[in-house]
Amino acid sequence: MAATQRATGGDDRTERTLRALSDIGQTMVSDADYEQVLAALIEKVCGLLDAESGGFMLYDPAAGELQLQRPAFGLDDDDDRIDVYRVPLSAGGNAVTVFLTGQPHFTNDAPNDPHCIQRYIELFDVERFVTVRLQVQDRPIGVFHAMNRRDGDFTVDDQDLLQLVAPHVAVMIQSAAMLRSLRKHERELERLIQMHNSLIDMAIRGHDLTDLARRLAELIQFDIVVCEADGQPIVATDARRRLPVEVRALLRHATEGPVTQHRTQRLGFDQGGEAVVTRIVAGGESLGAIVVLCDAHIAPETIRTVEQAALVMAITIVKQREVAEVERRLWADALEHLLVASTTIEEAGLLRRLGIEAGEPFRMAEIVVTLLAGQRERPIDADFQRLHRLVNGLLHREWPGAVAVTRSNTITLVLPALPATAGDARRRLERVLEDVRGTLPPGRSGALIAVGGTAADAAGARRSLNDVAAVIAASRLLPHPSVVFIEDLGLFRLLARPAEAADVQAFLFETLGAIESSDGAAREWMPFLEALVANNFSVKHAARHAGIPLNTARYRAGRIEEKLGIDFDDASARLNLMVALELRRILSRL
C-alpha cells in the first residue's frame, strides 16, 4: 500500500514537472515586450507553485547589485518600492546568498528568518517565500522569488520544482533582455537615420552652418559651439563664443594628428558638467569641431547623433567654402575692373555683380588687422581666407547686400546705402568688428574698419577708396580707432598724408558744406560764423561785431551747431572750424 502511495506521489510530481515545463515553454518571447515576458513568466511560475506573486532580481555588473525588475510582486508599475529593492552583493541577505552559492532557500516564517533582510520582508509584507538562482550556461544572472503560498506552506517539492524550471526561465529572461536591447538599438538607429536625413535635407536645401547647428542643438537638447580647425568659434547656439580654457586646450589636440576618421573626446569640469568634442573631417582635412556643452553626463546616443551631424557639417563646410571662393574671385575681379572701367555700361554691369544698381549710392571700406608690437609679419593667406568667410557671414546679418572682397590680403567692403542714420550704420559695423576681434588668431593686436565717402560710379569708388587710405593713414593719430568714417577725421585728414587740392576741398565740404549748400536765410549765417570764430566763440562779442541783437545771435549760434552737427564747446570742432575758415579765405584770394 505504501509503495503504491509512493508511486502515485512520484507520478504526481513527474506530471507536475512536465506540466510546468510545458507551461513555461508556451511563454513566447519573440512577439512580446520585455516586461510582458516577465509578467507572463511570473504568472506561469506562481501558478505552478500556487504562490500569490513573484519577482525577478537581475544582477547589474556596473552597479554590483541585484535589482528587482518591473513588474514584481503584483505591485502597480508606478510603485516606487520596486526601485527600492536593490541589494549590493556586499549587503548579504537571502537573495545575495542564493545568487552567490546557487543553493535555493525557502521559509514559511520570513519575519523570523535570520537569512533575510527584514526591511525588505516588511516592505513587501512577506510571510513565506522560496528563492532560486537563475543562470545561463553556468553563468548566474539573478534570482527568482515566489511569495506567500495561497494554500499552506512551501515544501521541498516546491523548491525542487522551481529549481528545475529555473534554467528555462533564465534563458527566456535573457532572450527577452537581448530582444529589448536589439529593439532599443533599432529605435536608436531609426532615430539616427531620421536625424541624419533631416540634417542632410537641410544641407541640400541650402541651409547654412548656423541653421544646422541650431537644429542639432534642438535634437540633442544641449548647447553646441561649432569651431574652425584652429579652435576659433564660428557658431554658438547660446551666444557663448568664448569656450572654457579646458575645452580650448582639448581642441588643440582634437584638431591635430591623423584626420582619416572622426575623433570624439570627452572633458569633465571640476565644477561639474562636461564637454564633448567631435572633429569635423573631409578629404583628410580637419575642417573644425563640434563642441557640446552641458551640465550633466552626455549619453552615448547623443554622441552618435553629434558624429552623424559632423558628417553633414563637413559637406556643408566644403560646399560653403567652394561657393565662397567662387564669389570671392568674382567679386575681386568685378572690383578690379570697376576701378578702371571706361564706360557707363561697363560700370553698371560691374556694379550689378557687386550687388549695386547703377546710380545707387554706396561706400567703400576696408578691414585692417594690426600686429602686436614687435611681432614679425608672417604669411596670413589662411587667416584672411577665414576672415573673408566670417566677415561675409557677419555682413549678411548686419548689412544686407554688402560684400567682402579679398584682394592681396586686404578685405575690402562694398557697402550699399542703407535707409538708416549715420549712428545706426556705425553700430552695425561696430558689431561686425567686435565679432572679428573675438576670432583673431594669435599675434594680432586688433582691427579697425575704415570707411570712405559716398560713391555712385567708378570714379566715386576710386575716390571712396582714396578716402579709405586717408582713414587708415590717420588712424595712427587717433587714440582708440575702431570704426572710422572719413567724415570723422576732420583736420587729421590733412595731416595724415601730403594733402592734395581734392583733400582740401573735401575737408571744407565736410566742415562747412552744410551751411554753404543751404538755401535762404541759412546762407547768411556764414558771416556770423566768421564773427563767432574771430571772437573766440563768444556769442555776445560776435553779436556786437556783426551788429545784430543778442537773442538773434544766440538763435543763429544754436542753429549753426545743429546744422553742422557739432558743439562749440568741443575743442576739436573749434579747431576744424578755424582751419576751414582760414583755408576758405586763402582759396578765395587765390
Protein backbone atom coordinates (compact mmCIF):
# COMPACT_ATOMS: atom_id res chain seq x y z
CA MET A 1 0.00 0.00 0.00
CA ALA A 2 2.79 2.43 0.98
CA ALA A 3 4.66 1.52 -2.19
CA THR A 4 1.56 2.31 -4.18
CA GLN A 5 1.29 5.73 -2.48
CA ARG A 6 4.97 6.47 -3.17
CA ALA A 7 4.46 5.51 -6.79
CA THR A 8 1.39 7.66 -7.02
CA GLY A 9 3.23 10.61 -5.39
CA GLY A 10 6.11 10.19 -7.80
CA ASP A 11 3.74 10.10 -10.74
CA ASP A 12 2.05 13.30 -9.49
CA ARG A 13 5.42 15.04 -9.17
CA THR A 14 6.51 13.90 -12.62
CA GLU A 15 3.22 15.06 -14.11
CA ARG A 16 3.53 18.39 -12.30
CA THR A 17 7.08 18.83 -13.59
CA LEU A 18 6.11 18.06 -17.17
CA ARG A 19 3.16 20.41 -16.94
CA ALA A 20 5.44 23.11 -15.54
CA LEU A 21 7.96 22.74 -18.36
CA SER A 22 5.16 22.73 -20.94
CA ASP A 23 3.56 25.87 -19.49
CA ILE A 24 6.88 27.69 -19.29
CA GLY A 25 7.73 26.69 -22.85
CA GLN A 26 4.50 28.16 -24.13
CA THR A 27 5.53 31.64 -22.97
CA MET A 28 6.50 33.36 -26.23
CA VAL A 29 9.33 35.85 -26.30
CA SER A 30 9.52 36.95 -29.90
CA ASP A 31 6.27 38.88 -30.06
CA ALA A 32 6.23 40.32 -26.54
CA ASP A 33 7.83 43.25 -24.80
CA TYR A 34 10.43 42.60 -22.09
CA GLU A 35 8.10 43.47 -19.20
CA GLN A 36 5.28 41.49 -20.80
CA VAL A 37 7.54 38.42 -20.89
CA LEU A 38 8.45 38.88 -17.22
CA ALA A 39 4.78 39.25 -16.27
CA ALA A 40 3.85 36.08 -18.20
CA LEU A 41 6.68 34.10 -16.60
CA ILE A 42 5.75 35.29 -13.12
CA GLU A 43 2.14 34.26 -13.74
CA LYS A 44 3.16 30.81 -15.01
CA VAL A 45 5.67 30.05 -12.26
CA CYS A 46 3.44 31.34 -9.46
CA GLY A 47 0.55 29.31 -10.87
CA LEU A 48 2.67 26.15 -10.67
CA LEU A 49 3.56 26.83 -7.04
CA ASP A 50 0.17 28.23 -6.06
CA ALA A 51 2.01 31.39 -4.96
CA GLU A 52 0.36 34.80 -4.68
CA SER A 53 3.15 36.69 -6.53
CA GLY A 54 6.78 36.61 -7.51
CA GLY A 55 9.58 38.71 -8.89
CA PHE A 56 12.89 38.56 -10.72
CA MET A 57 16.07 40.20 -9.47
CA LEU A 58 18.82 40.53 -12.09
CA TYR A 59 22.47 41.27 -11.46
CA ASP A 60 23.84 44.61 -12.73
CA PRO A 61 27.66 44.24 -13.02
CA ALA A 62 28.18 48.02 -13.35
CA ALA A 63 26.36 48.71 -10.07
CA GLY A 64 27.47 45.46 -8.40
CA GLU A 65 23.98 44.75 -7.11
CA LEU A 66 20.83 42.68 -7.61
CA GLN A 67 17.95 44.81 -8.89
CA LEU A 68 14.25 43.96 -8.81
CA GLN A 69 12.72 44.11 -12.31
CA ARG A 70 9.34 45.51 -13.31
CA PRO A 71 6.74 44.03 -12.88
CA ALA A 72 7.12 42.33 -9.49
CA PHE A 73 5.12 41.07 -6.52
CA GLY A 74 1.79 42.14 -8.02
CA LEU A 75 2.62 45.83 -7.41
CA ASP A 76 1.48 48.68 -9.61
CA ASP A 77 4.11 49.53 -12.21
CA ASP A 78 4.45 53.04 -10.75
CA ASP A 79 5.05 51.73 -7.23
CA ASP A 80 8.38 53.14 -6.01
CA ARG A 81 9.00 50.05 -3.83
CA ILE A 82 10.18 48.17 -6.93
CA ASP A 83 13.05 50.63 -7.40
CA VAL A 84 13.94 50.47 -3.70
CA TYR A 85 14.68 46.72 -3.78
CA ARG A 86 18.32 46.91 -4.90
CA VAL A 87 20.77 44.79 -2.90
CA PRO A 88 24.56 45.21 -3.26
CA LEU A 89 26.45 41.93 -3.10
CA SER A 90 28.28 43.26 -0.06
CA ALA A 91 24.99 43.64 1.83
CA GLY A 92 24.37 39.91 2.18
CA GLY A 93 20.87 38.54 2.78
CA ASN A 94 18.88 35.73 1.25
CA ALA A 95 18.91 36.95 -2.38
CA VAL A 96 22.68 37.56 -2.40
CA THR A 97 23.43 34.21 -0.72
CA VAL A 98 21.33 32.25 -3.24
CA PHE A 99 22.87 34.20 -6.12
CA LEU A 100 26.45 33.60 -4.98
CA THR A 101 26.14 29.97 -3.78
CA GLY A 102 23.47 28.62 -6.10
CA GLN A 103 21.77 26.95 -3.13
CA PRO A 104 17.98 27.53 -3.14
CA HIS A 105 16.23 28.63 0.01
CA PHE A 106 12.66 28.64 1.26
CA THR A 107 10.98 29.59 4.51
CA ASN A 108 7.47 29.71 5.89
CA ASP A 109 8.38 32.19 8.65
CA ALA A 110 10.08 35.06 6.82
CA PRO A 111 9.75 37.68 9.62
CA ASN A 112 11.90 35.49 11.86
CA ASP A 113 14.30 34.08 9.24
CA PRO A 114 17.89 35.24 10.00
CA HIS A 115 18.83 34.79 6.33
CA CYS A 116 16.56 37.68 5.31
CA ILE A 117 16.99 41.45 5.29
CA GLN A 118 13.96 42.29 7.38
CA ARG A 119 13.29 45.76 5.97
CA TYR A 120 12.52 44.16 2.59
CA ILE A 121 10.36 41.49 4.27
CA GLU A 122 8.33 44.26 5.90
CA LEU A 123 8.31 46.41 2.76
CA PHE A 124 6.62 43.69 0.70
CA ASP A 125 4.64 42.03 3.53
CA VAL A 126 6.26 38.61 3.02
CA GLU A 127 5.26 35.61 5.19
CA ARG A 128 6.54 32.71 3.07
CA PHE A 129 8.87 32.61 0.09
CA VAL A 130 11.10 30.35 -1.98
CA THR A 131 14.17 31.68 -3.83
CA VAL A 132 16.26 30.00 -6.57
CA ARG A 133 19.20 31.17 -8.65
CA LEU A 134 18.78 31.96 -12.35
CA GLN A 135 21.73 31.04 -14.54
CA VAL A 136 22.52 30.53 -18.20
CA GLN A 137 25.32 28.07 -19.10
CA ASP A 138 26.75 28.13 -15.56
CA ARG A 139 26.67 31.95 -15.53
CA PRO A 140 24.39 33.35 -12.79
CA ILE A 141 22.20 36.24 -13.97
CA GLY A 142 19.92 36.74 -10.94
CA VAL A 143 17.34 35.13 -8.65
CA PHE A 144 13.60 34.48 -8.60
CA HIS A 145 11.37 34.90 -5.54
CA ALA A 146 7.95 33.24 -5.22
CA MET A 147 5.96 34.73 -2.32
CA ASN A 148 3.14 33.69 0.02
CA ARG A 149 1.69 30.32 -1.00
CA ARG A 150 -2.09 30.51 -1.11
CA ASP A 151 -2.80 27.06 0.35
CA GLY A 152 -0.41 26.00 3.07
CA ASP A 153 3.37 26.16 3.32
CA PHE A 154 6.07 25.88 0.68
CA THR A 155 7.66 22.41 0.58
CA VAL A 156 10.88 20.88 -0.62
CA ASP A 157 8.97 19.67 -3.68
CA ASP A 158 8.05 23.30 -4.48
CA GLN A 159 11.68 24.30 -4.13
CA ASP A 160 12.87 21.42 -6.32
CA LEU A 161 10.22 22.17 -8.96
CA LEU A 162 11.19 25.84 -9.06
CA GLN A 163 14.87 24.92 -9.31
CA LEU A 164 14.05 22.54 -12.16
CA VAL A 165 12.28 25.17 -14.28
CA ALA A 166 14.73 27.97 -13.32
CA PRO A 167 17.21 27.32 -16.22
CA HIS A 168 14.38 27.54 -18.77
CA VAL A 169 13.10 30.73 -17.14
CA ALA A 170 16.63 32.21 -17.13
CA VAL A 171 17.04 31.53 -20.86
CA MET A 172 13.71 33.22 -21.58
CA ILE A 173 14.62 36.25 -19.46
CA GLN A 174 17.98 36.57 -21.18
CA SER A 175 16.33 36.22 -24.60
CA ALA A 176 13.77 38.89 -23.69
CA ALA A 177 16.55 41.18 -22.44
CA MET A 178 18.53 40.67 -25.66
CA LEU A 179 15.39 41.37 -27.69
CA ARG A 180 14.79 44.53 -25.67
CA SER A 181 18.37 45.64 -26.31
CA LEU A 182 18.01 44.84 -30.01
CA ARG A 183 14.78 46.80 -30.26
CA LYS A 184 16.36 49.69 -28.38
CA HIS A 185 19.26 49.72 -30.86
CA GLU A 186 16.79 49.53 -33.74
CA ARG A 187 14.87 52.52 -32.38
CA GLU A 188 18.13 54.38 -31.84
CA LEU A 189 19.25 53.55 -35.38
CA GLU A 190 15.93 54.73 -36.78
CA ARG A 191 16.27 57.93 -34.75
CA LEU A 192 19.82 58.47 -36.01
CA ILE A 193 18.70 57.89 -39.60
CA GLN A 194 15.82 60.35 -39.19
CA MET A 195 18.13 62.97 -37.68
CA HIS A 196 20.76 62.38 -40.35
CA ASN A 197 18.15 62.65 -43.11
CA SER A 198 16.77 65.81 -41.51
CA LEU A 199 20.20 67.46 -41.47
CA ILE A 200 21.02 66.20 -44.97
CA ASP A 201 17.73 67.63 -46.25
CA MET A 202 18.59 71.00 -44.68
CA ALA A 203 22.04 70.93 -46.28
CA ILE A 204 20.59 70.08 -49.71
CA ARG A 205 18.03 72.89 -49.42
CA GLY A 206 20.83 75.39 -48.84
CA HIS A 207 20.72 75.92 -45.08
CA ASP A 208 24.00 77.20 -43.69
CA LEU A 209 26.12 76.06 -40.76
CA THR A 210 24.18 78.23 -38.30
CA ASP A 211 20.87 76.57 -39.22
CA LEU A 212 22.43 73.10 -38.92
CA ALA A 213 23.94 73.95 -35.53
CA ARG A 214 20.61 75.20 -34.20
CA ARG A 215 18.81 72.11 -35.49
CA LEU A 216 21.41 69.83 -33.90
CA ALA A 217 21.05 71.69 -30.58
CA GLU A 218 17.29 71.13 -30.76
CA LEU A 219 17.72 67.43 -31.50
CA ILE A 220 20.13 66.69 -28.66
CA GLN A 221 18.77 69.31 -26.22
CA PHE A 222 22.25 70.68 -25.46
CA ASP A 223 24.06 73.89 -26.43
CA ILE A 224 26.79 73.49 -29.03
CA VAL A 225 29.63 75.55 -30.47
CA VAL A 226 30.98 74.90 -33.97
CA CYS A 227 34.65 75.85 -34.29
CA GLU A 228 37.19 76.33 -37.03
CA ALA A 229 40.06 73.84 -37.27
CA ASP A 230 42.20 76.16 -35.13
CA GLY A 231 39.58 76.22 -32.38
CA GLN A 232 38.07 79.65 -33.17
CA PRO A 233 34.26 79.57 -32.55
CA ILE A 234 32.16 80.44 -35.61
CA VAL A 235 28.66 79.37 -34.49
CA ALA A 236 27.31 79.25 -30.92
CA THR A 237 23.71 78.32 -30.12
CA ASP A 238 23.67 80.05 -26.72
CA ALA A 239 25.68 83.20 -27.56
CA ARG A 240 28.78 81.74 -25.79
CA ARG A 241 31.57 82.39 -28.21
CA ARG A 242 34.33 82.09 -25.58
CA LEU A 243 35.00 78.45 -24.73
CA PRO A 244 36.35 77.36 -21.34
CA VAL A 245 40.14 77.09 -21.13
CA GLU A 246 39.95 73.30 -20.74
CA VAL A 247 37.92 72.99 -23.94
CA ARG A 248 40.31 75.21 -25.93
CA ALA A 249 43.23 73.06 -24.75
CA LEU A 250 41.36 69.91 -25.81
CA LEU A 251 40.56 71.46 -29.20
CA ARG A 252 44.23 71.98 -29.90
CA HIS A 253 44.71 68.21 -29.57
CA ALA A 254 41.40 67.27 -31.22
CA THR A 255 42.38 69.03 -34.45
CA GLU A 256 45.91 67.62 -34.57
CA GLY A 257 47.23 64.31 -35.83
CA PRO A 258 45.80 61.97 -38.48
CA VAL A 259 42.41 63.04 -39.80
CA THR A 260 41.31 59.91 -41.59
CA GLN A 261 38.35 59.49 -39.25
CA HIS A 262 36.19 61.40 -36.78
CA ARG A 263 37.57 61.59 -33.29
CA THR A 264 35.37 62.29 -30.29
CA GLN A 265 36.76 63.20 -26.88
CA ARG A 266 35.12 63.90 -23.51
CA LEU A 267 36.15 66.51 -20.99
CA GLY A 268 34.75 66.84 -17.47
CA PHE A 269 34.97 70.01 -15.38
CA ASP A 270 35.85 70.24 -11.70
CA GLN A 271 32.83 72.48 -11.11
CA GLY A 272 30.51 69.94 -12.76
CA GLY A 273 29.29 69.33 -16.28
CA GLU A 274 31.25 68.19 -19.27
CA ALA A 275 32.04 68.88 -22.90
CA VAL A 276 32.29 66.53 -25.87
CA VAL A 277 34.45 67.49 -28.85
CA THR A 278 33.82 65.82 -32.21
CA ARG A 279 36.12 66.70 -35.09
CA ILE A 280 34.65 67.63 -38.48
CA VAL A 281 36.69 65.92 -41.20
CA ALA A 282 36.54 65.82 -45.01
CA GLY A 283 39.07 64.63 -47.57
CA GLY A 284 41.78 64.05 -44.97
CA GLU A 285 41.49 67.66 -43.73
CA SER A 286 40.29 68.77 -40.32
CA LEU A 287 37.66 71.42 -41.04
CA GLY A 288 36.73 72.16 -37.44
CA ALA A 289 34.95 70.63 -34.47
CA ILE A 290 31.56 70.43 -32.78
CA VAL A 291 31.68 71.15 -29.04
CA VAL A 292 28.71 70.05 -26.93
CA LEU A 293 28.49 71.88 -23.60
CA CYS A 294 26.20 70.63 -20.82
CA ASP A 295 25.78 70.45 -17.07
CA ALA A 296 25.21 66.68 -16.97
CA HIS A 297 26.55 63.44 -18.42
CA ILE A 298 26.20 63.14 -22.21
CA ALA A 299 24.73 59.80 -23.27
CA PRO A 300 26.38 57.62 -25.95
CA GLU A 301 23.31 58.06 -28.21
CA THR A 302 23.83 61.83 -28.12
CA ILE A 303 27.48 61.41 -29.11
CA ARG A 304 26.49 59.24 -32.07
CA THR A 305 24.00 61.91 -33.14
CA VAL A 306 26.74 64.55 -33.00
CA GLU A 307 29.07 62.33 -35.04
CA GLN A 308 26.35 61.96 -37.69
CA ALA A 309 25.90 65.73 -37.69
CA ALA A 310 29.66 66.16 -38.14
CA LEU A 311 29.41 64.29 -41.46
CA VAL A 312 26.68 66.63 -42.70
CA MET A 313 28.50 69.72 -41.44
CA ALA A 314 31.64 68.59 -43.27
CA ILE A 315 29.65 68.52 -46.52
CA THR A 316 28.16 71.93 -45.76
CA ILE A 317 31.52 73.50 -44.89
CA VAL A 318 33.13 72.17 -48.07
CA LYS A 319 30.20 73.48 -50.14
CA GLN A 320 30.26 76.86 -48.40
CA ARG A 321 33.99 77.16 -48.93
CA GLU A 322 33.67 76.38 -52.63
CA VAL A 323 30.83 78.87 -53.05
CA ALA A 324 32.69 81.49 -51.02
CA GLU A 325 35.84 81.00 -53.09
CA VAL A 326 33.93 81.42 -56.36
CA GLU A 327 32.16 84.51 -55.01
CA ARG A 328 35.45 85.93 -53.73
CA ARG A 329 37.08 85.58 -57.13
CA LEU A 330 34.07 87.04 -58.95
CA TRP A 331 33.80 89.98 -56.56
CA ALA A 332 37.55 90.66 -56.62
CA ASP A 333 37.53 90.55 -60.43
CA ALA A 334 34.47 92.84 -60.59
CA LEU A 335 36.00 95.38 -58.21
CA GLU A 336 39.34 95.46 -60.03
CA HIS A 337 37.60 96.06 -63.36
CA LEU A 338 35.27 98.66 -61.82
CA LEU A 339 38.23 100.78 -60.73
CA VAL A 340 39.42 101.02 -64.36
CA ALA A 341 36.02 100.95 -66.10
CA SER A 342 35.75 103.36 -69.03
CA THR A 343 32.06 103.29 -70.00
CA THR A 344 28.84 103.70 -68.04
CA ILE A 345 27.52 100.42 -69.46
CA GLU A 346 30.58 98.58 -68.22
CA GLU A 347 30.28 100.31 -64.85
CA ALA A 348 26.62 99.31 -64.48
CA GLY A 349 27.37 95.66 -65.20
CA LEU A 350 30.27 95.52 -62.75
CA LEU A 351 28.32 97.29 -60.01
CA ARG A 352 25.45 94.84 -60.50
CA ARG A 353 27.88 91.95 -59.99
CA LEU A 354 28.71 93.58 -56.65
CA GLY A 355 25.01 93.79 -55.78
CA ILE A 356 24.57 97.51 -56.52
CA GLU A 357 22.28 99.01 -59.12
CA ALA A 358 23.72 101.80 -61.27
CA GLY A 359 23.19 105.22 -59.71
CA GLU A 360 22.55 103.90 -56.21
CA PRO A 361 24.90 105.27 -53.54
CA PHE A 362 27.46 103.05 -51.85
CA ARG A 363 30.62 103.34 -49.79
CA MET A 364 33.95 101.58 -49.93
CA ALA A 365 35.51 100.36 -46.67
CA GLU A 366 38.37 98.18 -45.51
CA ILE A 367 39.07 95.93 -42.52
CA VAL A 368 42.60 96.47 -41.24
CA VAL A 369 44.20 93.84 -38.97
CA THR A 370 47.18 95.10 -36.96
CA LEU A 371 50.12 93.22 -35.46
CA LEU A 372 51.29 93.21 -31.87
CA ALA A 373 54.26 95.45 -31.17
CA GLY A 374 57.44 93.60 -32.03
CA GLN A 375 55.65 90.88 -33.99
CA ARG A 376 57.10 89.86 -37.31
CA GLU A 377 54.82 89.70 -40.29
CA ARG A 378 54.05 86.17 -41.36
CA PRO A 379 52.06 84.60 -44.20
CA ILE A 380 48.40 85.32 -43.44
CA ASP A 381 46.63 83.96 -46.52
CA ALA A 382 44.87 81.34 -44.40
CA ASP A 383 43.88 83.98 -41.84
CA PHE A 384 42.34 86.21 -44.48
CA GLN A 385 40.51 83.32 -46.13
CA ARG A 386 38.95 82.54 -42.77
CA LEU A 387 38.24 86.22 -42.10
CA HIS A 388 36.69 86.57 -45.55
CA ARG A 389 34.19 83.79 -44.80
CA LEU A 390 33.49 85.19 -41.35
CA VAL A 391 33.04 88.80 -42.48
CA ASN A 392 30.67 87.85 -45.30
CA GLY A 393 28.54 85.97 -42.81
CA LEU A 394 28.54 88.92 -40.40
CA LEU A 395 27.68 91.39 -43.16
CA HIS A 396 24.78 89.17 -44.25
CA ARG A 397 23.42 89.66 -40.72
CA GLU A 398 24.31 93.31 -40.09
CA TRP A 399 24.39 94.98 -43.52
CA PRO A 400 22.28 93.06 -46.08
CA GLY A 401 23.61 93.44 -49.61
CA ALA A 402 27.17 94.27 -48.51
CA VAL A 403 30.04 92.09 -49.74
CA ALA A 404 33.61 91.50 -48.58
CA VAL A 405 36.28 91.28 -51.28
CA THR A 406 39.71 89.83 -50.51
CA ARG A 407 42.43 91.49 -52.57
CA SER A 408 46.10 90.80 -51.82
CA ASN A 409 45.48 90.05 -48.14
CA THR A 410 43.18 93.06 -47.89
CA ILE A 411 39.49 92.75 -47.05
CA THR A 412 37.64 95.48 -48.91
CA LEU A 413 33.96 96.07 -48.17
CA VAL A 414 31.37 97.35 -50.63
CA LEU A 415 28.57 98.84 -48.54
CA PRO A 416 25.31 99.74 -50.30
CA ALA A 417 23.44 102.67 -48.76
CA LEU A 418 21.01 101.64 -46.04
CA PRO A 419 17.92 103.65 -45.00
CA ALA A 420 19.47 104.28 -41.60
CA THR A 421 21.13 107.07 -39.66
CA ALA A 422 24.87 107.53 -39.51
CA GLY A 423 24.78 106.30 -35.91
CA ASP A 424 22.95 103.13 -36.93
CA ALA A 425 25.47 102.43 -39.70
CA ARG A 426 28.30 102.86 -37.20
CA ARG A 427 26.68 100.48 -34.70
CA ARG A 428 26.21 97.81 -37.39
CA LEU A 429 29.89 97.95 -38.33
CA GLU A 430 30.97 98.00 -34.69
CA ARG A 431 29.11 94.72 -34.13
CA VAL A 432 30.91 93.23 -37.14
CA LEU A 433 34.24 94.46 -35.80
CA GLU A 434 33.56 93.08 -32.33
CA ASP A 435 33.00 89.59 -33.74
CA VAL A 436 36.08 89.89 -35.96
CA ARG A 437 38.25 90.88 -32.99
CA GLY A 438 36.84 87.97 -30.99
CA THR A 439 38.14 85.48 -33.57
CA LEU A 440 41.53 86.98 -34.41
CA PRO A 441 44.34 84.41 -34.45
CA PRO A 442 47.29 84.73 -32.02
CA GLY A 443 49.69 87.53 -32.91
CA ARG A 444 47.02 90.04 -33.93
CA SER A 445 46.51 93.02 -31.63
CA GLY A 446 43.25 94.25 -33.12
CA ALA A 447 41.38 95.54 -36.12
CA LEU A 448 39.60 98.61 -37.39
CA ILE A 449 37.13 99.35 -40.19
CA ALA A 450 37.97 102.38 -42.33
CA VAL A 451 35.01 103.78 -44.29
CA GLY A 452 35.31 106.10 -47.28
CA GLY A 453 32.86 108.63 -48.69
CA THR A 454 29.72 108.00 -50.69
CA ALA A 455 30.06 106.98 -54.36
CA ALA A 456 27.69 106.23 -57.22
CA ASP A 457 30.02 105.24 -60.07
CA ALA A 458 33.54 104.05 -60.84
CA ALA A 459 35.10 107.48 -60.28
CA GLY A 460 33.28 107.70 -56.96
CA ALA A 461 34.53 104.22 -55.99
CA ARG A 462 38.10 105.35 -56.67
CA ARG A 463 37.57 108.48 -54.53
CA SER A 464 35.99 106.41 -51.77
CA LEU A 465 39.00 104.05 -51.75
CA ASN A 466 41.28 107.08 -51.55
CA ASP A 467 39.23 108.18 -48.55
CA VAL A 468 39.77 104.73 -47.02
CA ALA A 469 43.53 105.12 -47.47
CA ALA A 470 43.34 108.50 -45.73
CA VAL A 471 41.39 107.00 -42.82
CA ILE A 472 43.93 104.18 -42.45
CA ALA A 473 46.80 106.68 -42.50
CA ALA A 474 45.07 108.95 -39.98
CA SER A 475 44.16 106.07 -37.69
CA ARG A 476 47.69 106.18 -36.32
CA LEU A 477 46.88 109.65 -34.94
CA LEU A 478 43.58 108.63 -33.32
CA PRO A 479 43.55 107.47 -29.67
CA HIS A 480 41.27 104.40 -29.98
CA PRO A 481 40.38 103.73 -33.62
CA SER A 482 37.61 101.20 -34.27
CA VAL A 483 35.04 102.12 -36.92
CA VAL A 484 36.24 105.35 -38.54
CA PHE A 485 34.35 107.18 -41.29
CA ILE A 486 36.11 109.68 -43.50
CA GLU A 487 33.80 112.34 -42.01
CA ASP A 488 35.28 111.62 -38.57
CA LEU A 489 38.79 112.72 -39.48
CA GLY A 490 38.36 116.47 -39.56
CA LEU A 491 41.78 118.14 -39.62
CA PHE A 492 43.51 114.74 -39.34
CA ARG A 493 42.53 114.19 -42.95
CA LEU A 494 45.04 116.88 -44.00
CA LEU A 495 47.75 115.81 -41.53
CA ALA A 496 47.78 112.05 -42.10
CA ARG A 497 49.41 112.32 -45.54
CA PRO A 498 50.51 115.01 -48.02
CA ALA A 499 47.28 116.90 -48.78
CA GLU A 500 46.14 117.50 -52.34
CA ALA A 501 43.63 120.03 -53.61
CA ALA A 502 40.89 117.42 -53.56
CA ASP A 503 41.65 116.69 -49.89
CA VAL A 504 41.31 120.38 -49.01
CA GLN A 505 38.05 120.69 -50.88
CA ALA A 506 36.71 117.55 -49.23
CA PHE A 507 37.71 118.88 -45.79
CA LEU A 508 35.98 122.22 -46.45
CA PHE A 509 32.82 120.49 -47.65
CA GLU A 510 32.69 118.15 -44.66
CA THR A 511 33.28 121.03 -42.24
CA LEU A 512 31.26 123.90 -43.78
CA GLY A 513 29.26 122.33 -46.59
CA ALA A 514 26.05 122.02 -44.56
CA ILE A 515 25.88 125.82 -44.35
CA GLU A 516 27.33 126.81 -47.73
CA SER A 517 24.97 124.49 -49.61
CA SER A 518 21.89 125.74 -47.71
CA ASP A 519 19.26 127.97 -49.24
CA GLY A 520 17.55 131.06 -47.83
CA ALA A 521 18.46 132.59 -44.50
CA ALA A 522 20.98 129.87 -43.65
CA ARG A 523 23.40 131.25 -46.25
CA GLU A 524 23.56 134.47 -44.21
CA TRP A 525 24.95 132.56 -41.25
CA MET A 526 28.47 132.32 -42.71
CA PRO A 527 29.43 135.92 -41.84
CA PHE A 528 28.13 135.39 -38.33
CA LEU A 529 30.12 132.12 -38.04
CA GLU A 530 33.26 134.04 -39.10
CA ALA A 531 32.49 136.68 -36.45
CA LEU A 532 31.95 133.92 -33.87
CA VAL A 533 35.36 132.35 -34.65
CA ALA A 534 37.06 135.74 -34.67
CA ASN A 535 35.70 136.48 -31.18
CA ASN A 536 36.80 133.16 -29.67
CA PHE A 537 33.25 131.72 -29.92
CA SER A 538 31.79 134.39 -27.62
CA VAL A 539 28.17 134.86 -28.77
CA LYS A 540 27.91 138.23 -27.01
CA HIS A 541 31.03 139.67 -28.68
CA ALA A 542 30.09 138.10 -32.04
CA ALA A 543 26.65 139.81 -31.86
CA ARG A 544 28.27 143.17 -31.25
CA HIS A 545 30.80 142.51 -34.06
CA ALA A 546 28.05 141.51 -36.51
CA GLY A 547 25.71 144.32 -35.40
CA ILE A 548 22.76 142.02 -34.55
CA PRO A 549 20.65 141.61 -31.39
CA LEU A 550 22.00 139.17 -28.77
CA ASN A 551 18.90 136.94 -28.95
CA THR A 552 19.30 136.68 -32.74
CA ALA A 553 22.97 135.80 -32.27
CA ARG A 554 22.10 133.08 -29.76
CA TYR A 555 19.49 131.66 -32.13
CA ARG A 556 21.95 131.62 -35.05
CA ALA A 557 24.68 130.01 -32.93
CA GLY A 558 22.31 127.21 -31.90
CA ARG A 559 21.09 126.67 -35.48
CA ILE A 560 24.70 126.54 -36.78
CA GLU A 561 25.61 123.87 -34.20
CA GLU A 562 22.54 121.90 -35.22
CA LYS A 563 23.22 122.28 -38.94
CA LEU A 564 26.90 121.29 -38.70
CA GLY A 565 26.29 118.58 -36.10
CA ILE A 566 28.91 119.97 -33.71
CA ASP A 567 29.23 121.51 -30.27
CA PHE A 568 31.07 124.86 -29.95
CA ASP A 569 32.38 123.70 -26.55
CA ASP A 570 34.27 120.87 -28.32
CA ALA A 571 37.91 121.90 -28.83
CA SER A 572 38.30 119.67 -31.94
CA ALA A 573 35.21 121.20 -33.54
CA ARG A 574 36.54 124.70 -32.86
CA LEU A 575 39.92 123.84 -34.38
CA ASN A 576 38.32 122.33 -37.51
CA LEU A 577 36.17 125.47 -38.00
CA MET A 578 39.12 127.81 -37.52
CA VAL A 579 41.28 125.89 -40.04
CA ALA A 580 38.39 125.53 -42.53
CA LEU A 581 37.55 129.25 -42.46
CA GLU A 582 41.21 130.17 -42.91
CA LEU A 583 41.59 127.77 -45.85
CA ARG A 584 38.37 129.15 -47.34
CA ARG A 585 39.77 132.69 -47.07
CA ILE A 586 43.08 131.67 -48.67
CA LEU A 587 41.37 129.86 -51.55
CA SER A 588 39.09 132.81 -52.21
CA ARG A 589 42.16 135.05 -52.63
CA LEU A 590 43.85 132.54 -54.90
